[in-house]
Amino acid sequence: MTPTQKSLEQYFAEYGVTDADKKAKLLPLITDLIYDRNMHVVNLETEADEYRKHQIEEGIAELEDEIKRQFESCL
């Protein structure tokens, strides 16, 4: 499945974060990571080279792992 861009709110919903204080604590930790991930998705959509696409997909997976770690550390 091709990755798609995700918003902060989509991540909060995915991890079940509804408390405003927890969201405020997470925002500075995940905002740049989510931005970087979404930029990787944009680059993936426009990339023609298969090797480069694979590298971008690996980068997305690494960012997803880091986003998950940040959520788990705060919950």
Protein backbone atom coordinates (compact mmCIF):
# COMPACT_ATOMS: atom_id res chain seq x y z
CA MET A 1 0.00 0.00 0.00
CA THR A 2 1.28 3.43 -0.92
CA PRO A 3 1.73 5.71 2.11
CA THR A 4 -0.42 8.83 2.27
CA GLN A 5 0.03 12.06 4.16
CA LYS A 6 -1.35 12.14 7.69
CA SER A 7 -2.31 15.03 9.93
CA LEU A 8 -1.52 15.49 13.60
CA GLU A 9 -5.17 14.81 14.40
CA GLN A 10 -5.05 11.53 12.47
CA TYR A 11 -2.14 10.41 14.63
CA PHE A 12 -3.93 11.47 17.81
CA ALA A 13 -6.97 9.44 16.73
CA GLU A 14 -4.82 6.46 15.71
CA TYR A 15 -3.18 6.34 19.14
CA GLY A 16 -6.36 7.23 21.04
CA VAL A 17 -5.08 10.53 22.42
CA THR A 18 -8.01 12.77 23.35
CA ASP A 19 -6.67 14.57 26.42
CA ALA A 20 -5.63 18.15 25.63
CA ASP A 21 -2.70 18.04 28.07
CA LYS A 22 -1.28 14.90 26.46
CA LYS A 23 -1.70 16.47 23.01
CA ALA A 24 0.14 19.58 24.20
CA LYS A 25 2.97 17.42 25.55
CA LEU A 26 3.24 15.46 22.29
CA LEU A 27 3.04 18.37 19.84
CA PRO A 28 6.65 19.56 20.13
CA LEU A 29 7.88 15.96 19.95
CA ILE A 30 5.99 14.87 16.84
CA THR A 31 5.27 17.95 14.72
CA ASP A 32 8.61 17.97 12.87
CA LEU A 33 8.58 14.17 12.52
CA ILE A 34 5.13 14.22 10.93
CA TYR A 35 6.13 17.09 8.64
CA ASP A 36 9.23 15.16 7.52
CA ARG A 37 7.17 12.01 6.99
CA ASN A 38 4.63 13.89 4.88
CA MET A 39 7.41 15.44 2.78
CA HIS A 40 8.78 11.94 2.19
CA VAL A 41 5.31 10.93 0.95
CA VAL A 42 5.23 13.90 -1.44
CA ASN A 43 8.69 12.97 -2.74
CA LEU A 44 7.61 9.35 -3.14
CA GLU A 45 4.63 10.40 -5.25
CA THR A 46 6.87 12.26 -7.70
CA GLU A 47 9.88 9.92 -7.76
CA ALA A 48 10.36 7.83 -10.91
CA ASP A 49 13.46 5.84 -9.94
CA GLU A 50 12.57 2.54 -8.24
CA TYR A 51 15.73 2.42 -6.12
CA ARG A 52 15.11 5.95 -4.86
CA LYS A 53 11.46 5.06 -4.14
CA HIS A 54 12.65 2.18 -1.99
CA GLN A 55 14.95 4.53 -0.06
CA ILE A 56 12.11 6.99 0.51
CA GLU A 57 9.82 4.17 1.71
CA GLU A 58 12.51 3.11 4.20
CA GLY A 59 12.73 6.70 5.41
CA ILE A 60 8.96 6.79 5.91
CA ALA A 61 9.09 3.55 7.91
CA GLU A 62 11.87 4.94 10.13
CA LEU A 63 9.89 8.12 10.78
CA GLU A 64 6.77 6.06 11.56
CA ASP A 65 8.79 4.06 14.10
CA GLU A 66 10.06 7.24 15.75
CA ILE A 67 6.55 8.75 15.85
CA LYS A 68 5.30 5.55 17.49
CA ARG A 69 8.11 5.69 20.06
CA GLN A 70 7.22 9.28 20.92
CA PHE A 71 3.56 8.39 21.43
CA GLU A 72 4.42 5.34 23.53
CA SER A 73 6.81 7.33 25.71
CA CYS A 74 4.10 9.88 26.55
CA LEU A 75 1.17 7.53 27.06
